[in-house]
Amino acid sequence: MVEEKNEKCESAVGVVITKREVIYSEYLEREVHFDVYLPQLARLQQEPSLLLINDGQDLEKMDFANILCALVENGKIEPVVCIGIHCSIDRKMEYGTAYSADFAGRGAKAGLYTKFIFEELVPFIRSAFNFPSFREKSFAGFSLGALSALDIVWNNANHFSKVGIFSGSLWWRRKAYDNGYQDEKDRLMHLQVKVGTAHPWLKFFFQCGLLDEEADRNNNGIIDSIDDALDLIKELNAKGYKDDQIKYYLMEEGRHEVETWAKALPVFLEWGWGIKK
């Protein structure tokens, strides 16, 4: 443990304990830093919910501890143990799709990153914080970290209930645009869903911003990041997923940046763990 601090709300009920931890991963051959956001009430639960978050180094910039604390304090959500996993300088190799590296060879360590999550990180969290098991586990991420989270959840669905995709890099492809690329055949995440098996208990949260980017490869007047998200939702619908299992959250002023994702996080948390009055 490197650091511990309390993020306080108006009363002690919603206090979130933040701990910065580091473990050595044999799979990734490096130290992995991560932050543990532990609501006071979650410490009292025998089986709390667990939310893993890629690119966790950005959560501090988003004031995530106080976002989480306020939602718990105000009775908006149930207490959730959140783990913000910091990326490394090898981010473009560790994130991606374990199914295949992209056309440039990026994502070649995605399979190792998946093994790190299941065989090193989650067992450490259970042991270090005395949680024998979790009621449910979910995964979220931003940009390329969102693609990684979705890839891990889709391919290990028995372990998860929900996934949050914020400005996801769903363009990840096995061919370059100038090398015979086709939307229907070459986007790696779409292809996995198309040929894969549906898992009816999974739920999906997609956040996009109208200002995420300017690229529009098919000149249809819709930016690629939105096209890619909507096309993936269509693939999920084709697999049998219903509207109540998929949340599409479009932000008119949303950009591909931390400030936008900070505004979207409360919507995601209430969607996933909201307390119905």
C-alpha atoms as a PDB file:
ATOM      1  CA  MET A   1       0.000   0.000   0.000  1.00  0.00           C
ATOM      2  CA  VAL A   2       1.436   3.361  -1.040  1.00  0.00           C
ATOM      3  CA  GLU A   3      -1.202   5.780   0.133  1.00  0.00           C
ATOM      4  CA  GLU A   4      -4.534   5.849   1.933  1.00  0.00           C
ATOM      5  CA  LYS A   5      -6.967   8.709   2.308  1.00  0.00           C
ATOM      6  CA  ASN A   6     -10.628   9.321   3.120  1.00  0.00           C
ATOM      7  CA  GLU A   7     -12.848  11.297   0.765  1.00  0.00           C
ATOM      8  CA  LYS A   8     -15.555  12.730   3.024  1.00  0.00           C
ATOM      9  CA  CYS A   9     -19.169  13.567   2.255  1.00  0.00           C
ATOM     10  CA  GLU A  10     -21.496  15.312   4.668  1.00  0.00           C
ATOM     11  CA  SER A  11     -21.707  12.307   6.989  1.00  0.00           C
ATOM     12  CA  ALA A  12     -19.615   9.226   7.666  1.00  0.00           C
ATOM     13  CA  VAL A  13     -22.066   6.904   5.901  1.00  0.00           C
ATOM     14  CA  GLY A  14     -20.761   7.456   2.404  1.00  0.00           C
ATOM     15  CA  VAL A  15     -17.080   7.893   3.145  1.00  0.00           C
ATOM     16  CA  VAL A  16     -14.891   6.342   0.458  1.00  0.00           C
ATOM     17  CA  ILE A  17     -11.497   5.026   1.505  1.00  0.00           C
ATOM     18  CA  THR A  18      -8.994   5.390  -1.329  1.00  0.00           C
ATOM     19  CA  LYS A  19      -5.923   3.168  -1.306  1.00  0.00           C
ATOM     20  CA  ARG A  20      -3.142   3.126  -3.879  1.00  0.00           C
ATOM     21  CA  GLU A  21      -1.703  -0.347  -4.289  1.00  0.00           C
ATOM     22  CA  VAL A  22       0.988  -1.977  -6.401  1.00  0.00           C
ATOM     23  CA  ILE A  23       1.540  -5.637  -7.274  1.00  0.00           C
ATOM     24  CA  TYR A  24       4.032  -7.324  -9.537  1.00  0.00           C
ATOM     25  CA  SER A  25       2.502  -9.185 -12.472  1.00  0.00           C
ATOM     26  CA  GLU A  26       4.315 -12.253 -13.686  1.00  0.00           C
ATOM     27  CA  TYR A  27       2.229 -12.209 -16.847  1.00  0.00           C
ATOM     28  CA  LEU A  28       2.954  -8.584 -17.743  1.00  0.00           C
ATOM     29  CA  GLU A  29       6.469  -8.654 -16.254  1.00  0.00           C
ATOM     30  CA  ARG A  30       5.981  -5.300 -14.563  1.00  0.00           C
ATOM     31  CA  GLU A  31       4.540  -3.599 -11.523  1.00  0.00           C
ATOM     32  CA  VAL A  32       0.883  -2.700 -11.842  1.00  0.00           C
ATOM     33  CA  HIS A  33      -0.432   0.270  -9.892  1.00  0.00           C
ATOM     34  CA  PHE A  34      -4.113   0.553  -9.060  1.00  0.00           C
ATOM     35  CA  ASP A  35      -6.394   2.570  -6.814  1.00  0.00           C
ATOM     36  CA  VAL A  36      -9.027   0.978  -4.591  1.00  0.00           C
ATOM     37  CA  TYR A  37     -12.184   3.032  -3.971  1.00  0.00           C
ATOM     38  CA  LEU A  38     -13.850   1.409  -0.993  1.00  0.00           C
ATOM     39  CA  PRO A  39     -17.143   2.885   0.265  1.00  0.00           C
ATOM     40  CA  GLN A  40     -17.563   2.555   4.009  1.00  0.00           C
ATOM     41  CA  LEU A  41     -20.777   0.572   3.580  1.00  0.00           C
ATOM     42  CA  ALA A  42     -19.113  -1.855   1.174  1.00  0.00           C
ATOM     43  CA  ARG A  43     -16.655  -2.804   3.906  1.00  0.00           C
ATOM     44  CA  LEU A  44     -19.599  -4.033   5.951  1.00  0.00           C
ATOM     45  CA  GLN A  45     -20.954  -6.246   3.172  1.00  0.00           C
ATOM     46  CA  GLN A  46     -19.883  -9.854   2.933  1.00  0.00           C
ATOM     47  CA  GLU A  47     -20.331  -9.896  -0.848  1.00  0.00           C
ATOM     48  CA  PRO A  48     -20.200  -6.385  -2.353  1.00  0.00           C
ATOM     49  CA  SER A  49     -20.244  -5.637  -6.057  1.00  0.00           C
ATOM     50  CA  LEU A  50     -16.904  -5.100  -7.809  1.00  0.00           C
ATOM     51  CA  LEU A  51     -16.236  -2.678 -10.663  1.00  0.00           C
ATOM     52  CA  LEU A  52     -12.883  -2.828 -12.458  1.00  0.00           C
ATOM     53  CA  ILE A  53     -11.906   0.271 -14.450  1.00  0.00           C
ATOM     54  CA  ASN A  54      -9.167   0.510 -17.077  1.00  0.00           C
ATOM     55  CA  ASP A  55      -7.101   3.703 -17.362  1.00  0.00           C
ATOM     56  CA  GLY A  56      -7.657   4.144 -13.656  1.00  0.00           C
ATOM     57  CA  GLN A  57      -4.898   6.759 -13.501  1.00  0.00           C
ATOM     58  CA  ASP A  58      -7.454   9.219 -14.926  1.00  0.00           C
ATOM     59  CA  LEU A  59     -10.016   8.676 -12.169  1.00  0.00           C
ATOM     60  CA  GLU A  60      -8.227  11.035  -9.801  1.00  0.00           C
ATOM     61  CA  LYS A  61      -8.481  13.789 -12.442  1.00  0.00           C
ATOM     62  CA  MET A  62     -12.221  13.090 -12.572  1.00  0.00           C
ATOM     63  CA  ASP A  63     -12.581  13.413  -8.783  1.00  0.00           C
ATOM     64  CA  PHE A  64     -13.988   9.894  -8.885  1.00  0.00           C
ATOM     65  CA  ALA A  65     -13.782   9.320  -5.126  1.00  0.00           C
ATOM     66  CA  ASN A  66     -16.156  12.189  -4.447  1.00  0.00           C
ATOM     67  CA  ILE A  67     -18.432  11.218  -7.351  1.00  0.00           C
ATOM     68  CA  LEU A  68     -18.774   7.742  -5.847  1.00  0.00           C
ATOM     69  CA  CYS A  69     -19.050   9.055  -2.323  1.00  0.00           C
ATOM     70  CA  ALA A  70     -21.837  11.516  -3.143  1.00  0.00           C
ATOM     71  CA  LEU A  71     -23.901   8.888  -4.971  1.00  0.00           C
ATOM     72  CA  VAL A  72     -23.638   6.457  -2.052  1.00  0.00           C
ATOM     73  CA  GLU A  73     -24.220   9.195   0.504  1.00  0.00           C
ATOM     74  CA  ASN A  74     -27.364  10.422  -1.240  1.00  0.00           C
ATOM     75  CA  GLY A  75     -28.788   6.937  -1.613  1.00  0.00           C
ATOM     76  CA  LYS A  76     -28.522   7.014  -5.383  1.00  0.00           C
ATOM     77  CA  ILE A  77     -26.506   3.793  -5.718  1.00  0.00           C
ATOM     78  CA  GLU A  78     -25.576   0.784  -3.677  1.00  0.00           C
ATOM     79  CA  PRO A  79     -21.959   0.804  -2.423  1.00  0.00           C
ATOM     80  CA  VAL A  80     -19.608  -0.625  -5.043  1.00  0.00           C
ATOM     81  CA  VAL A  81     -15.930  -1.515  -4.616  1.00  0.00           C
ATOM     82  CA  CYS A  82     -14.144   0.142  -7.554  1.00  0.00           C
ATOM     83  CA  ILE A  83     -10.638  -0.650  -8.772  1.00  0.00           C
ATOM     84  CA  GLY A  84      -8.912   1.895 -11.008  1.00  0.00           C
ATOM     85  CA  ILE A  85      -6.158   0.008 -12.845  1.00  0.00           C
ATOM     86  CA  HIS A  86      -3.383   2.296 -14.082  1.00  0.00           C
ATOM     87  CA  CYS A  87      -2.180   1.715 -17.614  1.00  0.00           C
ATOM     88  CA  SER A  88       1.493   1.313 -18.487  1.00  0.00           C
ATOM     89  CA  ILE A  89       3.721   2.738 -21.198  1.00  0.00           C
ATOM     90  CA  ASP A  90       2.831  -0.502 -23.037  1.00  0.00           C
ATOM     91  CA  ARG A  91      -0.865   0.490 -23.085  1.00  0.00           C
ATOM     92  CA  LYS A  92      -1.397  -0.045 -26.818  1.00  0.00           C
ATOM     93  CA  MET A  93      -0.046  -3.583 -26.527  1.00  0.00           C
ATOM     94  CA  GLU A  94      -1.836  -4.622 -23.310  1.00  0.00           C
ATOM     95  CA  TYR A  95      -5.212  -3.139 -24.259  1.00  0.00           C
ATOM     96  CA  GLY A  96      -7.081  -4.298 -27.344  1.00  0.00           C
ATOM     97  CA  THR A  97      -8.671  -7.627 -28.225  1.00  0.00           C
ATOM     98  CA  ALA A  98      -7.194 -10.939 -27.099  1.00  0.00           C
ATOM     99  CA  TYR A  99      -8.940 -12.481 -30.120  1.00  0.00           C
ATOM    100  CA  SER A 100      -6.400 -10.837 -32.419  1.00  0.00           C
ATOM    101  CA  ALA A 101      -3.912  -8.000 -32.564  1.00  0.00           C
ATOM    102  CA  ASP A 102      -4.895  -5.169 -34.886  1.00  0.00           C
ATOM    103  CA  PHE A 103      -3.465  -4.591 -38.371  1.00  0.00           C
ATOM    104  CA  ALA A 104      -0.425  -2.823 -36.879  1.00  0.00           C
ATOM    105  CA  GLY A 105       0.293  -5.537 -34.299  1.00  0.00           C
ATOM    106  CA  ARG A 106      -1.128  -3.529 -31.407  1.00  0.00           C
ATOM    107  CA  GLY A 107      -2.878  -5.431 -28.641  1.00  0.00           C
ATOM    108  CA  ALA A 108      -0.458  -8.370 -28.797  1.00  0.00           C
ATOM    109  CA  LYS A 109      -0.400  -8.575 -24.968  1.00  0.00           C
ATOM    110  CA  ALA A 110      -4.180  -8.357 -24.490  1.00  0.00           C
ATOM    111  CA  GLY A 111      -4.360 -12.051 -23.634  1.00  0.00           C
ATOM    112  CA  LEU A 112      -1.709 -11.627 -20.965  1.00  0.00           C
ATOM    113  CA  TYR A 113      -3.581  -8.637 -19.570  1.00  0.00           C
ATOM    114  CA  THR A 114      -6.708 -10.796 -19.297  1.00  0.00           C
ATOM    115  CA  LYS A 115      -4.739 -13.421 -17.357  1.00  0.00           C
ATOM    116  CA  PHE A 116      -3.410 -10.684 -15.070  1.00  0.00           C
ATOM    117  CA  ILE A 117      -6.975  -9.602 -14.263  1.00  0.00           C
ATOM    118  CA  PHE A 118      -8.256 -13.071 -13.379  1.00  0.00           C
ATOM    119  CA  GLU A 119      -5.222 -14.780 -11.906  1.00  0.00           C
ATOM    120  CA  GLU A 120      -3.396 -11.943 -10.162  1.00  0.00           C
ATOM    121  CA  LEU A 121      -5.487  -8.810  -9.609  1.00  0.00           C
ATOM    122  CA  VAL A 122      -8.860 -10.183  -8.492  1.00  0.00           C
ATOM    123  CA  PRO A 123      -7.321 -12.807  -6.154  1.00  0.00           C
ATOM    124  CA  PHE A 124      -5.184 -10.064  -4.588  1.00  0.00           C
ATOM    125  CA  ILE A 125      -8.229  -7.847  -3.998  1.00  0.00           C
ATOM    126  CA  ARG A 126     -10.148 -10.695  -2.384  1.00  0.00           C
ATOM    127  CA  SER A 127      -7.274 -11.521  -0.069  1.00  0.00           C
ATOM    128  CA  ALA A 128      -6.051  -8.016   0.785  1.00  0.00           C
ATOM    129  CA  PHE A 129      -9.507  -6.641   1.557  1.00  0.00           C
ATOM    130  CA  ASN A 130     -11.039  -9.803   2.998  1.00  0.00           C
ATOM    131  CA  PHE A 131     -13.741 -10.293   0.379  1.00  0.00           C
ATOM    132  CA  PRO A 132     -14.093 -14.076  -0.142  1.00  0.00           C
ATOM    133  CA  SER A 133     -16.317 -13.403  -3.144  1.00  0.00           C
ATOM    134  CA  PHE A 134     -18.283 -10.677  -4.913  1.00  0.00           C
ATOM    135  CA  ARG A 135     -22.003 -10.600  -5.593  1.00  0.00           C
ATOM    136  CA  GLU A 136     -21.249  -9.486  -9.142  1.00  0.00           C
ATOM    137  CA  LYS A 137     -18.329  -8.134 -11.153  1.00  0.00           C
ATOM    138  CA  SER A 138     -18.339  -5.515 -13.892  1.00  0.00           C
ATOM    139  CA  PHE A 139     -15.716  -3.811 -16.044  1.00  0.00           C
ATOM    140  CA  ALA A 140     -15.455  -0.347 -17.593  1.00  0.00           C
ATOM    141  CA  GLY A 141     -12.933   1.745 -19.443  1.00  0.00           C
ATOM    142  CA  PHE A 142     -12.243   4.794 -21.549  1.00  0.00           C
ATOM    143  CA  SER A 143     -11.235   4.844 -25.228  1.00  0.00           C
ATOM    144  CA  LEU A 144      -8.843   1.916 -25.844  1.00  0.00           C
ATOM    145  CA  GLY A 145      -9.344   0.891 -22.221  1.00  0.00           C
ATOM    146  CA  ALA A 146     -13.060   0.600 -23.009  1.00  0.00           C
ATOM    147  CA  LEU A 147     -12.356  -1.780 -25.880  1.00  0.00           C
ATOM    148  CA  SER A 148     -10.206  -3.869 -23.534  1.00  0.00           C
ATOM    149  CA  ALA A 149     -12.950  -3.981 -20.895  1.00  0.00           C
ATOM    150  CA  LEU A 150     -15.559  -5.025 -23.450  1.00  0.00           C
ATOM    151  CA  ASP A 151     -13.277  -7.677 -24.920  1.00  0.00           C
ATOM    152  CA  ILE A 152     -12.589  -9.182 -21.491  1.00  0.00           C
ATOM    153  CA  VAL A 153     -16.261  -9.173 -20.481  1.00  0.00           C
ATOM    154  CA  TRP A 154     -17.513 -10.637 -23.769  1.00  0.00           C
ATOM    155  CA  ASN A 155     -14.993 -13.469 -23.693  1.00  0.00           C
ATOM    156  CA  ASN A 156     -15.372 -14.196 -19.973  1.00  0.00           C
ATOM    157  CA  ALA A 157     -19.073 -13.541 -19.537  1.00  0.00           C
ATOM    158  CA  ASN A 158     -19.531 -16.080 -16.758  1.00  0.00           C
ATOM    159  CA  HIS A 159     -17.559 -13.751 -14.503  1.00  0.00           C
ATOM    160  CA  PHE A 160     -19.374 -10.475 -15.291  1.00  0.00           C
ATOM    161  CA  SER A 161     -22.770  -8.822 -15.333  1.00  0.00           C
ATOM    162  CA  LYS A 162     -22.138  -5.395 -16.895  1.00  0.00           C
ATOM    163  CA  VAL A 163     -19.654  -3.446 -18.993  1.00  0.00           C
ATOM    164  CA  GLY A 164     -19.197   0.309 -19.435  1.00  0.00           C
ATOM    165  CA  ILE A 165     -17.770   1.599 -22.733  1.00  0.00           C
ATOM    166  CA  PHE A 166     -16.845   5.291 -22.690  1.00  0.00           C
ATOM    167  CA  SER A 167     -15.804   6.637 -26.123  1.00  0.00           C
ATOM    168  CA  GLY A 168     -14.720   3.103 -26.962  1.00  0.00           C
ATOM    169  CA  SER A 169     -12.073   2.431 -29.607  1.00  0.00           C
ATOM    170  CA  LEU A 170     -14.476   0.186 -31.486  1.00  0.00           C
ATOM    171  CA  TRP A 171     -12.718   0.973 -34.765  1.00  0.00           C
ATOM    172  CA  TRP A 172     -10.005  -1.572 -33.770  1.00  0.00           C
ATOM    173  CA  ARG A 173      -9.510  -3.455 -37.023  1.00  0.00           C
ATOM    174  CA  ARG A 174      -7.509  -6.216 -38.637  1.00  0.00           C
ATOM    175  CA  LYS A 175      -6.917  -4.352 -41.909  1.00  0.00           C
ATOM    176  CA  ALA A 176      -5.756  -0.823 -42.646  1.00  0.00           C
ATOM    177  CA  TYR A 177      -8.265   1.448 -44.370  1.00  0.00           C
ATOM    178  CA  ASP A 178      -6.108   1.479 -47.519  1.00  0.00           C
ATOM    179  CA  ASN A 179      -5.703  -2.314 -47.606  1.00  0.00           C
ATOM    180  CA  GLY A 180      -9.138  -3.595 -48.537  1.00  0.00           C
ATOM    181  CA  TYR A 181     -10.800  -2.742 -45.204  1.00  0.00           C
ATOM    182  CA  GLN A 182     -14.545  -3.420 -44.873  1.00  0.00           C
ATOM    183  CA  ASP A 183     -16.723  -2.447 -41.910  1.00  0.00           C
ATOM    184  CA  GLU A 184     -18.620  -5.737 -41.962  1.00  0.00           C
ATOM    185  CA  LYS A 185     -15.550  -7.972 -41.901  1.00  0.00           C
ATOM    186  CA  ASP A 186     -12.654  -6.169 -40.269  1.00  0.00           C
ATOM    187  CA  ARG A 187     -13.706  -4.488 -36.995  1.00  0.00           C
ATOM    188  CA  LEU A 188     -12.427  -6.966 -34.445  1.00  0.00           C
ATOM    189  CA  MET A 189     -14.958  -6.413 -31.663  1.00  0.00           C
ATOM    190  CA  HIS A 190     -17.908  -6.446 -34.044  1.00  0.00           C
ATOM    191  CA  LEU A 191     -16.592  -9.655 -35.582  1.00  0.00           C
ATOM    192  CA  GLN A 192     -16.334 -11.337 -32.180  1.00  0.00           C
ATOM    193  CA  VAL A 193     -19.930 -10.486 -31.349  1.00  0.00           C
ATOM    194  CA  LYS A 194     -21.151 -11.575 -34.788  1.00  0.00           C
ATOM    195  CA  VAL A 195     -19.566 -15.037 -34.584  1.00  0.00           C
ATOM    196  CA  GLY A 196     -19.860 -15.425 -30.809  1.00  0.00           C
ATOM    197  CA  THR A 197     -22.495 -16.696 -28.417  1.00  0.00           C
ATOM    198  CA  ALA A 198     -24.870 -14.378 -26.581  1.00  0.00           C
ATOM    199  CA  HIS A 199     -24.849 -14.303 -22.789  1.00  0.00           C
ATOM    200  CA  PRO A 200     -28.355 -13.170 -21.801  1.00  0.00           C
ATOM    201  CA  TRP A 201     -27.420 -11.830 -18.364  1.00  0.00           C
ATOM    202  CA  LEU A 202     -24.937  -9.246 -19.684  1.00  0.00           C
ATOM    203  CA  LYS A 203     -25.791  -5.542 -19.822  1.00  0.00           C
ATOM    204  CA  PHE A 204     -23.972  -2.879 -21.852  1.00  0.00           C
ATOM    205  CA  PHE A 205     -23.495   0.868 -21.345  1.00  0.00           C
ATOM    206  CA  PHE A 206     -22.216   2.843 -24.361  1.00  0.00           C
ATOM    207  CA  GLN A 207     -21.257   6.500 -23.976  1.00  0.00           C
ATOM    208  CA  CYS A 208     -20.470   8.577 -27.068  1.00  0.00           C
ATOM    209  CA  GLY A 209     -19.931  12.279 -27.669  1.00  0.00           C
ATOM    210  CA  LEU A 210     -20.901  14.213 -30.777  1.00  0.00           C
ATOM    211  CA  LEU A 211     -17.487  15.896 -30.563  1.00  0.00           C
ATOM    212  CA  ASP A 212     -15.467  12.723 -29.927  1.00  0.00           C
ATOM    213  CA  GLU A 213     -13.736  13.127 -33.288  1.00  0.00           C
ATOM    214  CA  GLU A 214     -14.228  14.483 -36.817  1.00  0.00           C
ATOM    215  CA  ALA A 215     -13.409  11.366 -38.895  1.00  0.00           C
ATOM    216  CA  ASP A 216     -16.224  10.028 -41.095  1.00  0.00           C
ATOM    217  CA  ARG A 217     -14.777   7.256 -43.236  1.00  0.00           C
ATOM    218  CA  ASN A 218     -18.032   6.442 -45.064  1.00  0.00           C
ATOM    219  CA  ASN A 219     -19.107  10.078 -45.508  1.00  0.00           C
ATOM    220  CA  ASN A 220     -22.571   9.489 -44.041  1.00  0.00           C
ATOM    221  CA  GLY A 221     -22.490  12.583 -41.848  1.00  0.00           C
ATOM    222  CA  ILE A 222     -21.962  10.581 -38.644  1.00  0.00           C
ATOM    223  CA  ILE A 223     -18.555  10.459 -36.987  1.00  0.00           C
ATOM    224  CA  ASP A 224     -16.882   7.053 -36.918  1.00  0.00           C
ATOM    225  CA  SER A 225     -16.964   6.600 -33.134  1.00  0.00           C
ATOM    226  CA  ILE A 226     -20.764   6.900 -33.117  1.00  0.00           C
ATOM    227  CA  ASP A 227     -21.140   4.731 -36.221  1.00  0.00           C
ATOM    228  CA  ASP A 228     -18.978   2.034 -34.635  1.00  0.00           C
ATOM    229  CA  ALA A 229     -20.953   2.095 -31.384  1.00  0.00           C
ATOM    230  CA  LEU A 230     -24.345   1.973 -33.123  1.00  0.00           C
ATOM    231  CA  ASP A 231     -23.181  -0.825 -35.414  1.00  0.00           C
ATOM    232  CA  LEU A 232     -22.035  -2.857 -32.408  1.00  0.00           C
ATOM    233  CA  ILE A 233     -25.383  -2.294 -30.727  1.00  0.00           C
ATOM    234  CA  LYS A 234     -27.024  -3.633 -33.894  1.00  0.00           C
ATOM    235  CA  GLU A 235     -24.851  -6.750 -33.645  1.00  0.00           C
ATOM    236  CA  LEU A 236     -25.902  -7.191 -30.020  1.00  0.00           C
ATOM    237  CA  ASN A 237     -29.556  -6.759 -30.978  1.00  0.00           C
ATOM    238  CA  ALA A 238     -29.108  -9.391 -33.665  1.00  0.00           C
ATOM    239  CA  LYS A 239     -27.841 -11.752 -30.968  1.00  0.00           C
ATOM    240  CA  GLY A 240     -31.028 -11.229 -28.992  1.00  0.00           C
ATOM    241  CA  TYR A 241     -30.113  -8.462 -26.550  1.00  0.00           C
ATOM    242  CA  LYS A 242     -33.096  -6.228 -25.757  1.00  0.00           C
ATOM    243  CA  ASP A 243     -33.292  -2.469 -25.280  1.00  0.00           C
ATOM    244  CA  ASP A 244     -33.376  -2.797 -21.489  1.00  0.00           C
ATOM    245  CA  GLN A 245     -29.994  -4.564 -21.602  1.00  0.00           C
ATOM    246  CA  ILE A 246     -28.272  -1.809 -23.583  1.00  0.00           C
ATOM    247  CA  LYS A 247     -27.915   1.838 -22.575  1.00  0.00           C
ATOM    248  CA  TYR A 248     -26.736   4.272 -25.253  1.00  0.00           C
ATOM    249  CA  TYR A 249     -25.803   7.626 -23.752  1.00  0.00           C
ATOM    250  CA  LEU A 250     -25.061  10.315 -26.348  1.00  0.00           C
ATOM    251  CA  MET A 251     -23.605  13.607 -25.078  1.00  0.00           C
ATOM    252  CA  GLU A 252     -24.113  16.536 -27.463  1.00  0.00           C
ATOM    253  CA  GLU A 253     -21.112  18.412 -26.069  1.00  0.00           C
ATOM    254  CA  GLY A 254     -19.160  15.254 -25.336  1.00  0.00           C
ATOM    255  CA  ARG A 255     -15.509  15.097 -26.343  1.00  0.00           C
ATOM    256  CA  HIS A 256     -12.835  12.399 -26.214  1.00  0.00           C
ATOM    257  CA  GLU A 257     -11.532  13.661 -22.888  1.00  0.00           C
ATOM    258  CA  VAL A 258     -11.478  13.162 -19.139  1.00  0.00           C
ATOM    259  CA  GLU A 259     -13.886  16.026 -18.425  1.00  0.00           C
ATOM    260  CA  THR A 260     -16.612  14.431 -20.546  1.00  0.00           C
ATOM    261  CA  TRP A 261     -16.169  11.001 -19.018  1.00  0.00           C
ATOM    262  CA  ALA A 262     -16.344  12.498 -15.523  1.00  0.00           C
ATOM    263  CA  LYS A 263     -19.798  13.872 -16.374  1.00  0.00           C
ATOM    264  CA  ALA A 264     -20.898  10.511 -17.778  1.00  0.00           C
ATOM    265  CA  LEU A 265     -19.710   8.404 -14.832  1.00  0.00           C
ATOM    266  CA  PRO A 266     -22.633   9.227 -12.490  1.00  0.00           C
ATOM    267  CA  VAL A 267     -25.064   8.255 -15.258  1.00  0.00           C
ATOM    268  CA  PHE A 268     -23.257   4.941 -15.673  1.00  0.00           C
ATOM    269  CA  LEU A 269     -23.125   4.243 -11.939  1.00  0.00           C
ATOM    270  CA  GLU A 270     -26.825   4.989 -11.458  1.00  0.00           C
ATOM    271  CA  TRP A 271     -27.656   2.846 -14.499  1.00  0.00           C
ATOM    272  CA  GLY A 272     -25.689  -0.081 -13.106  1.00  0.00           C
ATOM    273  CA  TRP A 273     -26.145   0.130  -9.349  1.00  0.00           C
ATOM    274  CA  GLY A 274     -28.984   2.580  -8.816  1.00  0.00           C
ATOM    275  CA  ILE A 275     -31.289   2.187  -5.845  1.00  0.00           C
ATOM    276  CA  LYS A 276     -34.944   2.270  -6.867  1.00  0.00           C
ATOM    277  CA  LYS A 277     -37.123   4.266  -4.524  1.00  0.00           C
END
